C-alpha atoms as a PDB file:
ATOM      1  CA  UNK A   1      -0.004  -0.001   0.017  1.00  0.00           C
ATOM      2  CA  UNK A   2       1.199   3.464  -0.813  1.00  0.00           C
ATOM      3  CA  UNK A   3       1.472   6.222   1.664  1.00  0.00           C
ATOM      4  CA  UNK A   4      -1.873   8.060   2.216  1.00  0.00           C
ATOM      5  CA  UNK A   5      -3.960   5.437   0.546  1.00  0.00           C
ATOM      6  CA  UNK A   6      -6.407   2.857   1.847  1.00  0.00           C
ATOM      7  CA  UNK A   7      -6.466  -0.813   0.837  1.00  0.00           C
ATOM      8  CA  UNK A   8      -8.319   0.008  -2.394  1.00  0.00           C
ATOM      9  CA  UNK A   9      -5.695   2.584  -3.317  1.00  0.00           C
ATOM     10  CA  UNK A  10      -8.074   5.549  -2.717  1.00  0.00           C
ATOM     11  CA  UNK A  11      -6.490   8.641  -1.337  1.00  0.00           C
ATOM     12  CA  UNK A  12      -7.481   9.543   2.160  1.00  0.00           C
ATOM     13  CA  UNK A  13      -6.923  13.319   1.634  1.00  0.00           C
ATOM     14  CA  UNK A  14     -10.591  14.043   1.201  1.00  0.00           C
ATOM     15  CA  UNK A  15     -11.400  12.165   4.474  1.00  0.00           C
ATOM     16  CA  UNK A  16      -9.673  14.522   6.846  1.00  0.00           C
ATOM     17  CA  UNK A  17     -11.509  16.417   9.471  1.00  0.00           C
ATOM     18  CA  UNK A  18     -12.364  20.075   8.689  1.00  0.00           C
ATOM     19  CA  UNK A  19     -10.269  22.723  10.336  1.00  0.00           C
ATOM     20  CA  UNK A  20     -11.495  23.457  13.892  1.00  0.00           C
ATOM     21  CA  UNK A  21     -12.022  27.212  13.090  1.00  0.00           C
ATOM     22  CA  UNK A  22     -14.917  26.208  10.903  1.00  0.00           C
ATOM     23  CA  UNK A  23     -16.404  24.042  13.597  1.00  0.00           C
ATOM     24  CA  UNK A  24     -16.345  26.917  16.158  1.00  0.00           C
ATOM     25  CA  UNK A  25     -17.569  29.547  13.798  1.00  0.00           C
ATOM     26  CA  UNK A  26     -21.079  31.022  14.618  1.00  0.00           C
ATOM     27  CA  UNK A  27     -23.927  29.794  12.524  1.00  0.00           C
ATOM     28  CA  UNK A  28     -24.905  31.970   9.599  1.00  0.00           C
ATOM     29  CA  UNK A  29     -28.296  32.952   8.534  1.00  0.00           C
ATOM     30  CA  UNK A  30     -28.449  32.636   4.760  1.00  0.00           C
ATOM     31  CA  UNK A  31     -31.556  34.760   4.610  1.00  0.00           C
ATOM     32  CA  UNK A  32     -30.236  37.750   6.484  1.00  0.00           C
ATOM     33  CA  UNK A  33     -29.882  39.669   3.267  1.00  0.00           C
ATOM     34  CA  UNK A  34     -33.498  39.357   2.232  1.00  0.00           C
ATOM     35  CA  UNK A  35     -34.532  42.268   0.114  1.00  0.00           C
ATOM     36  CA  UNK A  36     -36.632  45.034   1.692  1.00  0.00           C
ATOM     37  CA  UNK A  37     -39.323  44.356  -0.935  1.00  0.00           C
ATOM     38  CA  UNK A  38     -39.518  40.681  -0.078  1.00  0.00           C
ATOM     39  CA  UNK A  39     -39.815  41.588   3.577  1.00  0.00           C
ATOM     40  CA  UNK A  40     -42.617  44.081   2.774  1.00  0.00           C
ATOM     41  CA  UNK A  41     -44.514  41.555   0.692  1.00  0.00           C
ATOM     42  CA  UNK A  42     -44.196  39.013   3.477  1.00  0.00           C
ATOM     43  CA  UNK A  43     -45.469  41.423   6.087  1.00  0.00           C
ATOM     44  CA  UNK A  44     -48.439  42.382   3.995  1.00  0.00           C
ATOM     45  CA  UNK A  45     -49.323  38.764   3.339  1.00  0.00           C
ATOM     46  CA  UNK A  46     -49.028  37.913   7.042  1.00  0.00           C
ATOM     47  CA  UNK A  47     -51.122  40.965   8.112  1.00  0.00           C
ATOM     48  CA  UNK A  48     -53.940  40.202   5.619  1.00  0.00           C
ATOM     49  CA  UNK A  49     -53.825  36.511   6.477  1.00  0.00           C
ATOM     50  CA  UNK A  50     -54.250  37.221  10.163  1.00  0.00           C
ATOM     51  CA  UNK A  51     -57.062  39.758   9.465  1.00  0.00           C
ATOM     52  CA  UNK A  52     -58.905  36.852   7.689  1.00  0.00           C
ATOM     53  CA  UNK A  53     -58.242  34.652  10.740  1.00  0.00           C
ATOM     54  CA  UNK A  54     -56.475  32.130   8.589  1.00  0.00           C
ATOM     55  CA  UNK A  55     -53.516  29.886   9.311  1.00  0.00           C
ATOM     56  CA  UNK A  56     -50.689  29.657   6.780  1.00  0.00           C
ATOM     57  CA  UNK A  57     -52.143  26.220   5.772  1.00  0.00           C
ATOM     58  CA  UNK A  58     -55.525  27.679   5.038  1.00  0.00           C
ATOM     59  CA  UNK A  59     -54.110  30.514   2.989  1.00  0.00           C
ATOM     60  CA  UNK A  60     -51.969  28.055   1.065  1.00  0.00           C
ATOM     61  CA  UNK A  61     -54.972  25.820   0.329  1.00  0.00           C
ATOM     62  CA  UNK A  62     -57.078  28.824  -0.831  1.00  0.00           C
ATOM     63  CA  UNK A  63     -54.245  30.137  -3.035  1.00  0.00           C
ATOM     64  CA  UNK A  64     -53.322  26.682  -4.329  1.00  0.00           C
ATOM     65  CA  UNK A  65     -49.803  26.838  -2.953  1.00  0.00           C
ATOM     66  CA  UNK A  66     -47.758  24.650  -0.562  1.00  0.00           C
ATOM     67  CA  UNK A  67     -48.073  25.681   3.122  1.00  0.00           C
ATOM     68  CA  UNK A  68     -44.274  25.774   3.515  1.00  0.00           C
ATOM     69  CA  UNK A  69     -44.032  28.234   0.638  1.00  0.00           C
ATOM     70  CA  UNK A  70     -46.482  30.639   2.327  1.00  0.00           C
ATOM     71  CA  UNK A  71     -44.234  30.602   5.408  1.00  0.00           C
ATOM     72  CA  UNK A  72     -41.091  31.296   3.370  1.00  0.00           C
ATOM     73  CA  UNK A  73     -42.872  34.223   1.667  1.00  0.00           C
ATOM     74  CA  UNK A  74     -44.081  35.644   4.965  1.00  0.00           C
ATOM     75  CA  UNK A  75     -40.515  35.501   6.325  1.00  0.00           C
ATOM     76  CA  UNK A  76     -39.068  37.056   3.241  1.00  0.00           C
ATOM     77  CA  UNK A  77     -37.035  33.934   2.426  1.00  0.00           C
ATOM     78  CA  UNK A  78     -38.291  33.352  -1.114  1.00  0.00           C
ATOM     79  CA  UNK A  79     -38.595  35.452  -4.183  1.00  0.00           C
ATOM     80  CA  UNK A  80     -42.322  35.396  -5.123  1.00  0.00           C
ATOM     81  CA  UNK A  81     -43.116  34.935  -8.773  1.00  0.00           C
ATOM     82  CA  UNK A  82     -45.626  37.031 -10.505  1.00  0.00           C
ATOM     83  CA  UNK A  83     -48.137  34.056 -10.796  1.00  0.00           C
ATOM     84  CA  UNK A  84     -47.776  33.185  -7.095  1.00  0.00           C
ATOM     85  CA  UNK A  85     -48.124  36.905  -6.095  1.00  0.00           C
ATOM     86  CA  UNK A  86     -51.364  37.022  -8.004  1.00  0.00           C
ATOM     87  CA  UNK A  87     -52.573  33.733  -6.394  1.00  0.00           C
ATOM     88  CA  UNK A  88     -51.887  35.182  -2.930  1.00  0.00           C
ATOM     89  CA  UNK A  89     -53.553  38.467  -3.727  1.00  0.00           C
ATOM     90  CA  UNK A  90     -56.655  36.760  -5.162  1.00  0.00           C
ATOM     91  CA  UNK A  91     -56.924  34.482  -2.166  1.00  0.00           C
ATOM     92  CA  UNK A  92     -56.637  37.430   0.178  1.00  0.00           C
ATOM     93  CA  UNK A  93     -59.172  39.450  -1.854  1.00  0.00           C
ATOM     94  CA  UNK A  94     -56.853  42.312  -2.584  1.00  0.00           C
ATOM     95  CA  UNK A  95     -55.137  43.724  -5.733  1.00  0.00           C
ATOM     96  CA  UNK A  96     -51.446  42.647  -6.236  1.00  0.00           C
ATOM     97  CA  UNK A  97     -50.453  46.308  -5.671  1.00  0.00           C
ATOM     98  CA  UNK A  98     -51.680  46.088  -1.995  1.00  0.00           C
ATOM     99  CA  UNK A  99     -49.081  43.278  -1.367  1.00  0.00           C
ATOM    100  CA  UNK A 100     -46.330  45.537  -2.734  1.00  0.00           C
ATOM    101  CA  UNK A 101     -47.123  48.615  -0.918  1.00  0.00           C
ATOM    102  CA  UNK A 102     -45.637  47.753   2.469  1.00  0.00           C
ATOM    103  CA  UNK A 103     -47.188  50.534   4.478  1.00  0.00           C
END
C-alpha cells in the first residue's frame, strides 16, 4: 500500500476532518440579506392573512400553494413569482399592488 492510501488505493486526503475554526464559527443565517421588498410583501401577506383569521395552511390551500411556501414568503425567504403573487392576492381578496405597498 502506498502512503496516504487505503486498501483499495483510494487517497485519504478528502477524508480528513475540517479545520477547527470552521467548527467553532457562529452559525450563519443565509436569509439575513433578504431584500426590503421581499420583507414588505411578506409582512403584507401575514397581516392580511391574520385579518382573515387564517393559518398559513388555510391561505396556502385557498391560494393553491404549498403551506411551507407561504411561510417562506411571509419571512421574506423566497422570491415570489408574479403568478404566485397573483394567487396570494386573489386568495386574500386584494389587488397585487396592496401586497407591494408595504405601508
